[in-house]
C-alpha atoms as a PDB file:
ATOM      1  CA  GLU A   1       0.035  -0.005   0.028  1.00  0.00           C
ATOM      2  CA  GLN A   2       1.168   3.494  -0.906  1.00  0.00           C
ATOM      3  CA  PRO A   3       1.139   4.924   2.830  1.00  0.00           C
ATOM      4  CA  PHE A   4       3.275   2.119   4.095  1.00  0.00           C
ATOM      5  CA  VAL A   5       5.764   2.585   1.257  1.00  0.00           C
ATOM      6  CA  ALA A   6       6.117   6.252   1.747  1.00  0.00           C
ATOM      7  CA  GLU A   7       6.488   5.669   5.527  1.00  0.00           C
ATOM      8  CA  ALA A   8       9.129   3.009   5.079  1.00  0.00           C
ATOM      9  CA  ALA A   9      11.095   5.281   2.572  1.00  0.00           C
ATOM     10  CA  LYS A  10      11.065   8.113   5.249  1.00  0.00           C
ATOM     11  CA  GLU A  11      12.328   5.685   7.926  1.00  0.00           C
ATOM     12  CA  CYS A  12      15.094   4.424   5.691  1.00  0.00           C
ATOM     13  CA  SER A  13      16.151   7.907   4.801  1.00  0.00           C
ATOM     14  CA  ALA A  14      16.094   8.819   8.596  1.00  0.00           C
ATOM     15  CA  GLN A  15      18.292   5.776   9.308  1.00  0.00           C
ATOM     16  CA  GLY A  16      20.657   6.793   6.552  1.00  0.00           C
ATOM     17  CA  TRP A  17      19.927   3.982   4.316  1.00  0.00           C
ATOM     18  CA  ARG A  18      20.009   5.930   1.061  1.00  0.00           C
ATOM     19  CA  HIS A  19      19.827   3.082  -1.471  1.00  0.00           C
ATOM     20  CA  ALA A  20      16.794   1.531   0.356  1.00  0.00           C
ATOM     21  CA  ALA A  21      15.051   4.770   0.565  1.00  0.00           C
ATOM     22  CA  ARG A  22      15.657   5.477  -3.145  1.00  0.00           C
ATOM     23  CA  ALA A  23      14.349   1.999  -4.104  1.00  0.00           C
ATOM     24  CA  LEU A  24      11.216   2.565  -2.139  1.00  0.00           C
ATOM     25  CA  THR A  25      10.660   5.983  -3.549  1.00  0.00           C
ATOM     26  CA  ALA A  26      10.826   4.697  -7.014  1.00  0.00           C
ATOM     27  CA  LEU A  27       7.872   2.485  -6.138  1.00  0.00           C
ATOM     28  CA  GLU A  28       5.552   5.434  -5.039  1.00  0.00           C
ATOM     29  CA  GLY A  29       2.582   5.636  -7.392  1.00  0.00           C
ATOM     30  CA  ALA A  30       3.266   2.315  -9.175  1.00  0.00           C
ATOM     31  CA  ASN A  31       0.336   0.730  -7.755  1.00  0.00           C
ATOM     32  CA  GLN A  32      -1.985   2.970  -9.849  1.00  0.00           C
ATOM     33  CA  PHE A  33      -0.845   1.059 -13.018  1.00  0.00           C
ATOM     34  CA  PRO A  34      -1.647  -2.435 -14.540  1.00  0.00           C
ATOM     35  CA  PRO A  35       1.017  -5.008 -13.395  1.00  0.00           C
ATOM     36  CA  PHE A  36       2.796  -4.954 -16.715  1.00  0.00           C
ATOM     37  CA  GLY A  37       4.554  -2.288 -18.744  1.00  0.00           C
ATOM     38  CA  TYR A  38       5.693  -1.741 -22.314  1.00  0.00           C
ATOM     39  CA  SER A  39       9.442  -1.885 -23.647  1.00  0.00           C
ATOM     40  CA  MET A  40      10.138   1.383 -25.621  1.00  0.00           C
ATOM     41  CA  GLU A  41      12.940  -0.208 -27.235  1.00  0.00           C
ATOM     42  CA  GLY A  42      10.912  -3.124 -28.154  1.00  0.00           C
ATOM     43  CA  ILE A  43       8.182  -0.969 -29.593  1.00  0.00           C
ATOM     44  CA  THR A  44      10.544   1.248 -31.668  1.00  0.00           C
ATOM     45  CA  SER A  45      12.439  -1.917 -33.025  1.00  0.00           C
ATOM     46  CA  ARG A  46       9.204  -3.683 -34.073  1.00  0.00           C
ATOM     47  CA  GLU A  47       7.792  -0.470 -35.684  1.00  0.00           C
ATOM     48  CA  LYS A  48      11.276   0.275 -37.271  1.00  0.00           C
ATOM     49  CA  VAL A  49      11.198   3.900 -36.082  1.00  0.00           C
ATOM     50  CA  SER A  50      14.216   5.633 -34.819  1.00  0.00           C
ATOM     51  CA  SER A  51      14.348   5.980 -31.010  1.00  0.00           C
ATOM     52  CA  VAL A  52      12.151   8.582 -29.481  1.00  0.00           C
ATOM     53  CA  ARG A  53      12.460  10.665 -26.463  1.00  0.00           C
ATOM     54  CA  PHE A  54      10.885   8.755 -23.500  1.00  0.00           C
ATOM     55  CA  GLN A  55       9.499  11.820 -21.894  1.00  0.00           C
ATOM     56  CA  GLU A  56       7.774  12.943 -25.069  1.00  0.00           C
ATOM     57  CA  VAL A  57       5.904   9.722 -25.249  1.00  0.00           C
ATOM     58  CA  VAL A  58       4.883  10.048 -21.473  1.00  0.00           C
ATOM     59  CA  ASP A  59       3.831  13.680 -22.230  1.00  0.00           C
ATOM     60  CA  VAL A  60       1.582  12.425 -25.230  1.00  0.00           C
ATOM     61  CA  LEU A  61      -0.045   9.863 -23.149  1.00  0.00           C
ATOM     62  CA  ARG A  62      -0.788  12.191 -20.218  1.00  0.00           C
ATOM     63  CA  ALA A  63      -2.247  14.726 -22.543  1.00  0.00           C
ATOM     64  CA  LEU A  64      -4.489  11.996 -23.732  1.00  0.00           C
ATOM     65  CA  GLY A  65      -5.639  11.690 -19.975  1.00  0.00           C
ATOM     66  CA  ARG A  66      -3.595   8.423 -19.430  1.00  0.00           C
ATOM     67  CA  LEU A  67      -1.334   7.899 -16.476  1.00  0.00           C
ATOM     68  CA  ALA A  68       2.270   7.248 -17.613  1.00  0.00           C
ATOM     69  CA  MET A  69       5.653   6.952 -15.813  1.00  0.00           C
ATOM     70  CA  ARG A  70       9.061   5.335 -16.213  1.00  0.00           C
ATOM     71  CA  GLN A  71       8.918   1.560 -14.879  1.00  0.00           C
ATOM     72  CA  PRO A  72      10.630   1.587 -11.512  1.00  0.00           C
ATOM     73  CA  PHE A  73      14.151   0.104 -11.706  1.00  0.00           C
ATOM     74  CA  GLY A  74      14.144   0.016 -15.399  1.00  0.00           C
ATOM     75  CA  SER A  75      15.630   2.512 -17.982  1.00  0.00           C
ATOM     76  CA  SER A  76      13.290   2.001 -21.045  1.00  0.00           C
ATOM     77  CA  GLY A  77      10.281   0.425 -19.446  1.00  0.00           C
ATOM     78  CA  LEU A  78       6.950   2.448 -19.566  1.00  0.00           C
ATOM     79  CA  LYS A  79       4.147   1.912 -17.133  1.00  0.00           C
ATOM     80  CA  THR A  80       0.807   3.490 -18.358  1.00  0.00           C
ATOM     81  CA  THR A  81      -3.049   3.012 -18.158  1.00  0.00           C
ATOM     82  CA  ALA A  82      -2.954   3.539 -21.990  1.00  0.00           C
ATOM     83  CA  THR A  83      -3.730   0.667 -24.396  1.00  0.00           C
ATOM     84  CA  TYR A  84      -1.000  -0.799 -26.560  1.00  0.00           C
ATOM     85  CA  GLN A  85      -2.499   1.043 -29.492  1.00  0.00           C
ATOM     86  CA  GLU A  86      -2.394   4.393 -27.813  1.00  0.00           C
ATOM     87  CA  VAL A  87       1.287   3.826 -26.745  1.00  0.00           C
ATOM     88  CA  LEU A  88       2.046   2.817 -30.487  1.00  0.00           C
ATOM     89  CA  ALA A  89       0.299   6.026 -31.705  1.00  0.00           C
ATOM     90  CA  ALA A  90       2.197   8.053 -29.163  1.00  0.00           C
ATOM     91  CA  VAL A  91       5.437   6.404 -30.323  1.00  0.00           C
ATOM     92  CA  ARG A  92       4.795   7.040 -33.841  1.00  0.00           C
ATOM     93  CA  GLU A  93       3.922  10.580 -33.213  1.00  0.00           C
ATOM     94  CA  CYS A  94       7.011  11.319 -31.275  1.00  0.00           C
ATOM     95  CA  ALA A  95       9.070   9.697 -34.213  1.00  0.00           C
ATOM     96  CA  ARG A  96       8.121  12.225 -36.817  1.00  0.00           C
END
């Protein structure tokens, strides 16, 4: 649960456990998303488009009213409430 994670992160920080606090902070908000994510590298590779700026895709999805964020502990994973077709459309739009 979100309140527990936030409190645990605060306690880790107070104890000087930087890495644990950072890991817990990365999880904040993740429970609002489905249990899966999308690989931006995989999508751009399949679609044969040049790489796109991750934040631009997130911004396009948020403009559509969807939640979107970088997947915790991953560099190119996308967590979102958008459908795959919406993610794909956002990637294509950002590749132009």
